[in-house]
Amino acid sequence: MQDICSTLEPLLDKYADEEGFTFDAIHGFYTARAIIPFELKVDERNDILFGAPVKLSKEDSVQLEQALELLSRAIDRQFNEEEGFELSCEEFSDPDDEDLMDWCCGFVHAHIMTEKKWFQENEQEVSELLLPIILGSGLFDDEPEFEAILENDELTEDMCSQIPEVLMELYLLFNSPEEASSKPPANKSKPARKGPPRKRR
């Protein structure tokens, strides 16, 4: 993963504007796409990743494509290994960690683009599983539901620490539903979100 990061970060430094993704945000974005795949035109994808229309050099374009392909494979491989899923950021229990917030924002961005697919079935369960990621993004801190959670530091940290686990549950739910149904339900003593987040910013 470090090699992929070492390739992508110079490209982000070179081309991305203030609205562009960090490496952690890209990892979150592609994690969501691994759970529910969807097609993106190259220009549309680049606009999202770099925050604005960009014209990459031929060499940089090749490097970007190769790095994103390797990233997609690495994420898919993690979902299918016994060790479980690991986020790109080292800290995932601290809701104030900027890398975690970036990761969650990237995931939520991809989720919003395909939100109907996420809630076609098992709406309540999916909503509950997504809640720690939405909380970790910091995008909805002003909403009463999240303000109440954030007042409890222990609960907030506990929810964020469950993100790798809920990612595995989401992946199984959408890609191996029989295996997901055979697993005991996760302990989610948290408020359920009735629908998807409304906007990224």
Protein backbone atom coordinates (compact mmCIF):
# COMPACT_ATOMS: atom_id res chain seq x y z
CA MET A 1 0.00 0.00 0.00
CA GLN A 2 2.90 2.35 0.74
CA ASP A 3 4.17 2.03 -2.84
CA ILE A 4 0.75 3.04 -4.17
CA CYS A 5 0.66 5.99 -1.79
CA SER A 6 4.16 7.04 -2.90
CA THR A 7 2.93 7.12 -6.50
CA LEU A 8 -0.35 8.92 -5.90
CA GLU A 9 0.73 11.59 -3.43
CA PRO A 10 3.15 13.38 -5.84
CA LEU A 11 0.37 13.44 -8.45
CA LEU A 12 -2.03 14.94 -5.92
CA ASP A 13 0.57 17.52 -4.92
CA LYS A 14 1.10 18.39 -8.58
CA TYR A 15 -2.48 18.57 -9.85
CA ALA A 16 -5.02 18.70 -7.00
CA ASP A 17 -6.62 21.92 -5.78
CA GLU A 18 -8.04 22.60 -2.31
CA GLU A 19 -11.07 20.40 -3.01
CA GLY A 20 -8.92 17.49 -4.16
CA PHE A 21 -8.66 14.18 -2.33
CA THR A 22 -5.83 13.04 -0.12
CA PHE A 23 -4.54 9.49 -0.47
CA ASP A 24 -6.70 8.43 2.46
CA ALA A 25 -9.78 9.94 0.80
CA ILE A 26 -8.98 8.05 -2.42
CA HIS A 27 -8.64 4.84 -0.43
CA GLY A 28 -12.04 5.46 1.19
CA PHE A 29 -13.59 6.28 -2.18
CA TYR A 30 -12.28 3.08 -3.76
CA THR A 31 -13.29 1.03 -0.74
CA ALA A 32 -16.90 2.10 -1.25
CA ARG A 33 -16.58 1.24 -4.95
CA ALA A 34 -15.29 -2.22 -4.01
CA ILE A 35 -18.45 -2.81 -1.97
CA ILE A 36 -20.80 -1.48 -4.66
CA PRO A 37 -18.94 -1.10 -7.97
CA PHE A 38 -19.94 1.63 -10.39
CA GLU A 39 -18.47 2.97 -13.60
CA LEU A 40 -16.81 6.36 -13.89
CA LYS A 41 -15.47 8.06 -16.97
CA VAL A 42 -11.81 8.97 -16.64
CA ASP A 43 -12.45 12.71 -16.78
CA GLU A 44 -15.24 12.49 -14.20
CA ARG A 45 -13.08 10.40 -11.91
CA ASN A 46 -10.14 12.78 -12.22
CA ASP A 47 -12.38 15.77 -11.50
CA ILE A 48 -13.39 14.08 -8.25
CA LEU A 49 -9.92 12.99 -7.19
CA PHE A 50 -8.17 16.25 -8.04
CA GLY A 51 -11.04 18.58 -7.17
CA ALA A 52 -11.15 20.27 -10.58
CA PRO A 53 -10.74 19.48 -14.29
CA VAL A 54 -7.10 18.57 -14.93
CA LYS A 55 -4.94 17.73 -17.90
CA LEU A 56 -2.34 15.19 -16.89
CA SER A 57 0.79 14.54 -18.86
CA LYS A 58 0.89 11.21 -20.67
CA GLU A 59 3.42 9.84 -18.17
CA ASP A 60 1.42 11.00 -15.17
CA SER A 61 -1.77 9.60 -16.65
CA VAL A 62 -0.17 6.18 -17.03
CA GLN A 63 1.15 6.30 -13.47
CA LEU A 64 -2.28 7.27 -12.16
CA GLU A 65 -4.05 4.44 -13.97
CA GLN A 66 -1.54 1.88 -12.78
CA ALA A 67 -1.67 3.09 -9.18
CA LEU A 68 -5.47 3.12 -9.06
CA GLU A 69 -5.62 -0.36 -10.55
CA LEU A 70 -3.19 -1.63 -7.92
CA LEU A 71 -5.20 0.13 -5.23
CA SER A 72 -8.44 -1.49 -6.39
CA ARG A 73 -6.82 -4.92 -6.38
CA ALA A 74 -5.30 -4.37 -2.93
CA ILE A 75 -8.66 -3.34 -1.47
CA ASP A 76 -10.46 -6.28 -3.06
CA ARG A 77 -7.77 -8.63 -1.78
CA GLN A 78 -8.18 -7.32 1.76
CA PHE A 79 -11.90 -7.99 1.68
CA ASN A 80 -11.17 -11.60 0.77
CA GLU A 81 -8.42 -12.33 3.30
CA GLU A 82 -8.95 -13.82 6.74
CA GLU A 83 -6.95 -11.05 8.40
CA GLY A 84 -9.76 -8.59 7.77
CA PHE A 85 -9.81 -5.10 6.34
CA GLU A 86 -7.33 -2.36 7.20
CA LEU A 87 -7.84 1.32 6.56
CA SER A 88 -5.07 3.34 4.93
CA CYS A 89 -4.88 5.61 7.98
CA GLU A 90 -3.10 4.37 11.07
CA GLU A 91 -5.60 5.82 13.55
CA PHE A 92 -9.24 4.85 13.20
CA SER A 93 -10.62 5.25 16.72
CA ASP A 94 -9.98 8.99 17.04
CA PRO A 95 -12.86 10.93 15.41
CA ASP A 96 -10.69 14.07 15.34
CA ASP A 97 -7.93 12.42 13.30
CA GLU A 98 -7.70 14.24 9.95
CA ASP A 99 -6.61 11.14 8.03
CA LEU A 100 -9.63 9.21 9.31
CA MET A 101 -11.92 12.09 8.42
CA ASP A 102 -10.44 12.19 4.91
CA TRP A 103 -10.91 8.44 4.53
CA CYS A 104 -14.53 8.62 5.64
CA CYS A 105 -15.24 11.64 3.41
CA GLY A 106 -13.93 9.73 0.39
CA PHE A 107 -16.11 6.75 1.25
CA VAL A 108 -19.20 8.92 1.79
CA HIS A 109 -18.60 10.71 -1.53
CA ALA A 110 -18.73 7.40 -3.43
CA HIS A 111 -21.67 6.22 -1.33
CA ILE A 112 -23.71 9.32 -2.22
CA MET A 113 -23.07 8.74 -5.92
CA THR A 114 -24.79 5.36 -5.72
CA GLU A 115 -27.00 5.81 -2.64
CA LYS A 116 -30.06 4.13 -4.18
CA LYS A 117 -28.13 0.89 -4.64
CA TRP A 118 -27.06 0.90 -1.00
CA PHE A 119 -30.64 0.99 0.26
CA GLN A 120 -32.47 -1.23 -2.22
CA GLU A 121 -32.47 -4.04 0.35
CA ASN A 122 -31.72 -4.33 4.08
CA GLU A 123 -32.14 -0.57 4.47
CA GLN A 124 -32.15 -0.55 8.26
CA GLU A 125 -29.09 -2.80 8.58
CA VAL A 126 -27.12 -0.86 5.96
CA SER A 127 -28.02 2.43 7.65
CA GLU A 128 -26.73 1.17 10.98
CA LEU A 129 -23.52 -0.17 9.46
CA LEU A 130 -22.83 3.10 7.64
CA LEU A 131 -23.35 5.21 10.74
CA PRO A 132 -19.75 4.97 12.12
CA ILE A 133 -18.33 5.98 8.73
CA ILE A 134 -20.71 8.91 8.38
CA LEU A 135 -19.87 9.96 11.93
CA GLY A 136 -16.14 9.69 11.21
CA SER A 137 -16.43 11.95 8.17
CA GLY A 138 -17.38 14.94 10.32
CA LEU A 139 -19.67 16.12 7.54
CA PHE A 140 -22.82 15.99 9.64
CA ASP A 141 -21.60 17.06 13.08
CA ASP A 142 -24.21 19.83 13.27
CA GLU A 143 -27.12 17.43 12.93
CA PRO A 144 -28.82 16.71 16.29
CA GLU A 145 -28.38 12.95 15.88
CA PHE A 146 -24.62 13.29 15.59
CA GLU A 147 -24.28 16.07 18.15
CA ALA A 148 -25.74 13.72 20.74
CA ILE A 149 -23.21 11.00 19.88
CA LEU A 150 -20.26 13.39 19.82
CA GLU A 151 -21.04 14.54 23.36
CA ASN A 152 -20.05 11.04 24.50
CA ASP A 153 -16.34 10.60 23.77
CA GLU A 154 -16.31 6.92 24.68
CA LEU A 155 -19.23 6.12 22.38
CA THR A 156 -17.74 8.17 19.54
CA GLU A 157 -14.37 6.42 19.77
CA ASP A 158 -16.05 3.02 20.06
CA MET A 159 -18.08 3.63 16.91
CA CYS A 160 -15.08 4.81 14.90
CA SER A 161 -13.03 1.83 16.06
CA GLN A 162 -15.65 -0.47 14.51
CA ILE A 163 -15.20 0.90 10.98
CA PRO A 164 -12.99 -1.97 9.72
CA GLU A 165 -15.51 -4.48 11.08
CA VAL A 166 -18.54 -2.79 9.55
CA LEU A 167 -16.75 -2.57 6.21
CA MET A 168 -16.37 -6.34 6.18
CA GLU A 169 -20.05 -6.72 7.08
CA LEU A 170 -21.09 -4.36 4.29
CA TYR A 171 -18.90 -6.16 1.77
CA LEU A 172 -20.34 -9.55 2.71
CA LEU A 173 -23.87 -8.18 2.73
CA PHE A 174 -23.60 -6.97 -0.87
CA ASN A 175 -21.19 -9.51 -2.32
CA SER A 176 -21.68 -12.70 -0.26
CA PRO A 177 -25.14 -12.38 1.28
CA GLU A 178 -25.30 -16.06 2.28
CA GLU A 179 -22.09 -15.74 4.28
CA ALA A 180 -23.25 -12.46 5.80
CA SER A 181 -26.55 -14.00 6.94
CA SER A 182 -24.70 -16.84 8.66
CA LYS A 183 -22.70 -14.45 10.84
CA PRO A 184 -24.04 -13.41 14.25
CA PRO A 185 -25.34 -9.81 14.20
CA ALA A 186 -22.89 -7.16 15.31
CA ASN A 187 -23.49 -5.45 18.62
CA LYS A 188 -24.83 -2.09 17.51
CA SER A 189 -26.32 -0.25 20.47
CA LYS A 190 -26.36 2.94 18.46
CA PRO A 191 -29.06 5.11 16.92
CA ALA A 192 -29.99 4.04 13.40
CA ARG A 193 -29.88 6.44 10.50
CA LYS A 194 -33.01 6.24 8.39
CA GLY A 195 -31.43 7.36 5.13
CA PRO A 196 -28.20 8.35 3.42
CA PRO A 197 -26.34 11.61 4.03
CA ARG A 198 -27.64 14.46 1.93
CA LYS A 199 -24.47 16.18 0.79
CA ARG A 200 -20.71 16.05 1.11
CA ARG A 201 -20.15 19.60 2.30
